[in-house]
Each structure stands twice: as C-alpha cells, then as structure tokens.
Amino acid sequence: MRKKLFRQRPLLTIPQILILLAVIAALFIGLDLTRRAQAGRLVGVGEESLKHEVSIEATRQIELQATLDYVQSDEYVAAYARDEAGYILPGEKRIVPMIVEATPGAPPAATPTPDPAASARPWQAWWQLLTDDPQPMRP
C-alpha cells in the first residue's frame, strides 16, 4: 500500500488574509472615528448653561463686593451702633417705646341654637325612621 500524501489546502489564502486584515483595520478605524465624532458633538452641549451660570456668579460677585464695601464704611458702623448695639451720640436721647398689652375681655355669649326635637311630634320621628321620606304635609 502506498501512502498517498495529500497536501492539505490552507484554510485561507494570502490574498484572503490580507483582505480580512484590511476589513478588520477598517472596522477599528471606523469605530474610532465614530467615537471621536460623538465626543466632538458633546463638547459644546453644556456651553450655554455654563455661560448662564458664569453670568449669575459674576452678578453675585458684584453684589458681594458692594456689600463688603458698605460693611466696611462708616455709615454701616454708625447704623449698627445705633440700631443693634444701642449706642447714642453725645447730646442725643434714647427713646424706648413701651408696649402695653391690653387684657382681652370676655367673649360675647353665644346664642343657643334651637332644638328641632323640642318642636317635633312623636309621629314625625317614627315616620322619618320607618320610611326615610320627608314628613307629609298637614292639611
């Protein structure tokens, strides 16, 4: 018996391998370009809200600076000394208002509400319990 040596055919040829490598490289390059494009679109998304926040904070900084300037002024110190600390200038007189609380008077007496049971007749109560209808009119 002779052994026949068969040469096994390769699974892929060299041109097929090169085409496969080119397709895989194109996929990676395409995915990378897509990722970069999405990142580029997301760059300017929050720009308007950030500009708005920056303008609000700039306005707040101006307000705080104005408050700081006022607090460090002589007018603020004088107003604080008079209003909060109770100091007065020489020659001034302190006036302290006295609050007089009035004693509350007795509340007015409430008028009693009339009792409908006092003017009702016994048959009217029974009629209402048995029929749940309005009471008949008397002729």
C-alpha atoms as a PDB file:
ATOM      1  CA  MET A   1       0.000   0.000   0.000  1.00  0.00           C
ATOM      2  CA  ARG A   2       1.185   3.163  -0.903  1.00  0.00           C
ATOM      3  CA  LYS A   3       0.572   6.093   1.169  1.00  0.00           C
ATOM      4  CA  LYS A   4      -0.628   8.973  -0.700  1.00  0.00           C
ATOM      5  CA  LEU A   5       0.464  12.168   0.723  1.00  0.00           C
ATOM      6  CA  PHE A   6      -2.104  14.747   0.212  1.00  0.00           C
ATOM      7  CA  ARG A   7      -1.104  18.178   0.602  1.00  0.00           C
ATOM      8  CA  GLN A   8      -3.745  19.868   2.658  1.00  0.00           C
ATOM      9  CA  ARG A   9      -5.117  23.043   1.212  1.00  0.00           C
ATOM     10  CA  PRO A  10      -4.745  26.051   3.505  1.00  0.00           C
ATOM     11  CA  LEU A  11      -7.904  27.437   5.064  1.00  0.00           C
ATOM     12  CA  LEU A  12      -7.285  30.928   3.777  1.00  0.00           C
ATOM     13  CA  THR A  13      -5.057  32.111   1.022  1.00  0.00           C
ATOM     14  CA  ILE A  14      -2.694  35.035   1.381  1.00  0.00           C
ATOM     15  CA  PRO A  15      -4.924  37.479  -0.554  1.00  0.00           C
ATOM     16  CA  GLN A  16      -7.902  36.447   1.607  1.00  0.00           C
ATOM     17  CA  ILE A  17      -5.884  37.019   4.771  1.00  0.00           C
ATOM     18  CA  LEU A  18      -4.825  40.459   3.552  1.00  0.00           C
ATOM     19  CA  ILE A  19      -8.428  41.374   2.712  1.00  0.00           C
ATOM     20  CA  LEU A  20      -9.588  40.135   6.133  1.00  0.00           C
ATOM     21  CA  LEU A  21      -6.910  42.195   7.875  1.00  0.00           C
ATOM     22  CA  ALA A  22      -7.901  45.255   5.813  1.00  0.00           C
ATOM     23  CA  VAL A  23     -11.601  44.795   6.778  1.00  0.00           C
ATOM     24  CA  ILE A  24     -10.724  44.438  10.488  1.00  0.00           C
ATOM     25  CA  ALA A  25      -8.494  47.527  10.328  1.00  0.00           C
ATOM     26  CA  ALA A  26     -11.284  49.464   8.561  1.00  0.00           C
ATOM     27  CA  LEU A  27     -13.736  48.441  11.321  1.00  0.00           C
ATOM     28  CA  PHE A  28     -11.391  49.640  14.047  1.00  0.00           C
ATOM     29  CA  ILE A  29     -10.723  52.905  12.231  1.00  0.00           C
ATOM     30  CA  GLY A  30     -14.457  53.450  11.616  1.00  0.00           C
ATOM     31  CA  LEU A  31     -15.342  52.799  15.253  1.00  0.00           C
ATOM     32  CA  ASP A  32     -12.615  55.156  16.426  1.00  0.00           C
ATOM     33  CA  LEU A  33     -13.786  57.905  14.070  1.00  0.00           C
ATOM     34  CA  THR A  34     -17.379  57.467  15.253  1.00  0.00           C
ATOM     35  CA  ARG A  35     -16.295  57.700  18.899  1.00  0.00           C
ATOM     36  CA  ARG A  36     -14.298  60.858  18.181  1.00  0.00           C
ATOM     37  CA  ALA A  37     -17.212  62.417  16.285  1.00  0.00           C
ATOM     38  CA  GLN A  38     -19.573  61.779  19.212  1.00  0.00           C
ATOM     39  CA  ALA A  39     -17.065  63.245  21.640  1.00  0.00           C
ATOM     40  CA  GLY A  40     -16.746  66.312  19.415  1.00  0.00           C
ATOM     41  CA  ARG A  41     -20.520  66.820  19.367  1.00  0.00           C
ATOM     42  CA  LEU A  42     -20.718  66.575  23.154  1.00  0.00           C
ATOM     43  CA  VAL A  43     -18.086  69.283  23.664  1.00  0.00           C
ATOM     44  CA  GLY A  44     -20.452  72.232  23.192  1.00  0.00           C
ATOM     45  CA  VAL A  45     -23.570  70.715  24.774  1.00  0.00           C
ATOM     46  CA  GLY A  46     -23.367  72.412  28.191  1.00  0.00           C
ATOM     47  CA  GLU A  47     -21.820  75.652  26.956  1.00  0.00           C
ATOM     48  CA  GLU A  48     -24.978  77.785  27.196  1.00  0.00           C
ATOM     49  CA  SER A  49     -25.828  76.619  30.708  1.00  0.00           C
ATOM     50  CA  LEU A  50     -22.248  77.254  31.801  1.00  0.00           C
ATOM     51  CA  LYS A  51     -22.331  80.772  30.330  1.00  0.00           C
ATOM     52  CA  HIS A  52     -25.576  81.435  32.207  1.00  0.00           C
ATOM     53  CA  GLU A  53     -24.109  80.143  35.478  1.00  0.00           C
ATOM     54  CA  VAL A  54     -20.969  82.254  34.985  1.00  0.00           C
ATOM     55  CA  SER A  55     -23.067  85.395  34.441  1.00  0.00           C
ATOM     56  CA  ILE A  56     -25.125  84.650  37.574  1.00  0.00           C
ATOM     57  CA  GLU A  57     -21.975  84.155  39.630  1.00  0.00           C
ATOM     58  CA  ALA A  58     -20.417  87.349  38.207  1.00  0.00           C
ATOM     59  CA  THR A  59     -23.527  89.282  39.274  1.00  0.00           C
ATOM     60  CA  ARG A  60     -23.348  87.645  42.706  1.00  0.00           C
ATOM     61  CA  GLN A  61     -19.681  88.625  42.997  1.00  0.00           C
ATOM     62  CA  ILE A  62     -20.554  92.267  42.231  1.00  0.00           C
ATOM     63  CA  GLU A  63     -23.324  92.203  44.851  1.00  0.00           C
ATOM     64  CA  LEU A  64     -20.997  90.691  47.449  1.00  0.00           C
ATOM     65  CA  GLN A  65     -18.324  93.265  46.667  1.00  0.00           C
ATOM     66  CA  ALA A  66     -20.874  96.076  47.116  1.00  0.00           C
ATOM     67  CA  THR A  67     -21.978  94.544  50.428  1.00  0.00           C
ATOM     68  CA  LEU A  68     -18.355  94.301  51.560  1.00  0.00           C
ATOM     69  CA  ASP A  69     -17.735  97.952  50.681  1.00  0.00           C
ATOM     70  CA  TYR A  70     -20.865  99.006  52.620  1.00  0.00           C
ATOM     71  CA  VAL A  71     -19.996  96.900  55.667  1.00  0.00           C
ATOM     72  CA  GLN A  72     -16.553  98.478  55.819  1.00  0.00           C
ATOM     73  CA  SER A  73     -17.946 102.037  55.600  1.00  0.00           C
ATOM     74  CA  ASP A  74     -18.517 104.483  58.464  1.00  0.00           C
ATOM     75  CA  GLU A  75     -22.254 104.698  57.694  1.00  0.00           C
ATOM     76  CA  TYR A  76     -22.680 100.984  58.400  1.00  0.00           C
ATOM     77  CA  VAL A  77     -20.741 101.230  61.655  1.00  0.00           C
ATOM     78  CA  ALA A  78     -22.890 104.164  62.805  1.00  0.00           C
ATOM     79  CA  ALA A  79     -26.122 102.406  61.826  1.00  0.00           C
ATOM     80  CA  TYR A  80     -25.035  99.223  63.596  1.00  0.00           C
ATOM     81  CA  ALA A  81     -24.036 101.149  66.732  1.00  0.00           C
ATOM     82  CA  ARG A  82     -27.412 102.875  66.932  1.00  0.00           C
ATOM     83  CA  ASP A  83     -29.753 100.094  65.815  1.00  0.00           C
ATOM     84  CA  GLU A  84     -28.107  96.918  67.052  1.00  0.00           C
ATOM     85  CA  ALA A  85     -25.735  97.873  69.873  1.00  0.00           C
ATOM     86  CA  GLY A  86     -27.833 100.662  71.386  1.00  0.00           C
ATOM     87  CA  TYR A  87     -25.143 103.395  71.363  1.00  0.00           C
ATOM     88  CA  ILE A  88     -26.062 107.076  71.024  1.00  0.00           C
ATOM     89  CA  LEU A  89     -24.085 110.172  70.141  1.00  0.00           C
ATOM     90  CA  PRO A  90     -23.403 112.851  72.768  1.00  0.00           C
ATOM     91  CA  GLY A  91     -26.431 115.137  73.098  1.00  0.00           C
ATOM     92  CA  GLU A  92     -28.927 112.562  71.800  1.00  0.00           C
ATOM     93  CA  LYS A  93     -31.621 110.997  73.956  1.00  0.00           C
ATOM     94  CA  ARG A  94     -32.644 107.396  73.737  1.00  0.00           C
ATOM     95  CA  ILE A  95     -36.344 106.774  73.282  1.00  0.00           C
ATOM     96  CA  VAL A  96     -37.574 103.265  74.023  1.00  0.00           C
ATOM     97  CA  PRO A  97     -41.197 102.578  73.113  1.00  0.00           C
ATOM     98  CA  MET A  98     -43.146 100.691  75.757  1.00  0.00           C
ATOM     99  CA  ILE A  99     -45.565  98.089  74.536  1.00  0.00           C
ATOM    100  CA  VAL A 100     -48.744  97.967  76.570  1.00  0.00           C
ATOM    101  CA  GLU A 101     -50.699  94.815  76.123  1.00  0.00           C
ATOM    102  CA  ALA A 102     -54.452  95.084  76.509  1.00  0.00           C
ATOM    103  CA  THR A 103     -56.166  92.426  78.572  1.00  0.00           C
ATOM    104  CA  PRO A 104     -58.691  90.532  76.484  1.00  0.00           C
ATOM    105  CA  GLY A 105     -62.308  90.939  77.511  1.00  0.00           C
ATOM    106  CA  ALA A 106     -64.806  88.157  77.994  1.00  0.00           C
ATOM    107  CA  PRO A 107     -66.108  86.726  74.730  1.00  0.00           C
ATOM    108  CA  PRO A 108     -69.724  87.513  73.915  1.00  0.00           C
ATOM    109  CA  ALA A 109     -72.218  84.870  74.941  1.00  0.00           C
ATOM    110  CA  ALA A 110     -73.316  82.659  72.074  1.00  0.00           C
ATOM    111  CA  THR A 111     -76.999  82.352  71.368  1.00  0.00           C
ATOM    112  CA  PRO A 112     -78.204  78.768  71.777  1.00  0.00           C
ATOM    113  CA  THR A 113     -79.360  77.015  68.633  1.00  0.00           C
ATOM    114  CA  PRO A 114     -82.975  75.859  68.653  1.00  0.00           C
ATOM    115  CA  ASP A 115     -83.505  72.143  69.144  1.00  0.00           C
ATOM    116  CA  PRO A 116     -85.725  70.699  66.386  1.00  0.00           C
ATOM    117  CA  ALA A 117     -86.617  67.728  68.594  1.00  0.00           C
ATOM    118  CA  ALA A 118     -88.384  70.012  71.062  1.00  0.00           C
ATOM    119  CA  SER A 119     -90.937  71.129  68.476  1.00  0.00           C
ATOM    120  CA  ALA A 120     -91.280  67.744  66.724  1.00  0.00           C
ATOM    121  CA  ARG A 121     -94.139  65.392  67.394  1.00  0.00           C
ATOM    122  CA  PRO A 122     -93.532  61.723  68.148  1.00  0.00           C
ATOM    123  CA  TRP A 123     -95.275  60.508  64.980  1.00  0.00           C
ATOM    124  CA  GLN A 124     -92.936  62.654  62.840  1.00  0.00           C
ATOM    125  CA  ALA A 125     -89.836  60.964  64.287  1.00  0.00           C
ATOM    126  CA  TRP A 126     -91.380  57.498  63.723  1.00  0.00           C
ATOM    127  CA  TRP A 127     -92.350  58.430  60.166  1.00  0.00           C
ATOM    128  CA  GLN A 128     -88.788  59.538  59.407  1.00  0.00           C
ATOM    129  CA  LEU A 129     -87.277  56.345  60.888  1.00  0.00           C
ATOM    130  CA  LEU A 130     -89.630  53.959  59.063  1.00  0.00           C
ATOM    131  CA  THR A 131     -89.804  55.497  55.608  1.00  0.00           C
ATOM    132  CA  ASP A 132     -86.784  57.772  55.139  1.00  0.00           C
ATOM    133  CA  ASP A 133     -89.197  60.045  53.290  1.00  0.00           C
ATOM    134  CA  PRO A 134     -89.844  63.677  54.068  1.00  0.00           C
ATOM    135  CA  GLN A 135     -92.607  64.261  56.537  1.00  0.00           C
ATOM    136  CA  PRO A 136     -96.058  64.583  54.993  1.00  0.00           C
ATOM    137  CA  MET A 137     -97.614  67.994  54.896  1.00  0.00           C
ATOM    138  CA  ARG A 138    -100.518  68.585  57.225  1.00  0.00           C
ATOM    139  CA  PRO A 139    -103.673  69.813  55.579  1.00  0.00           C
END
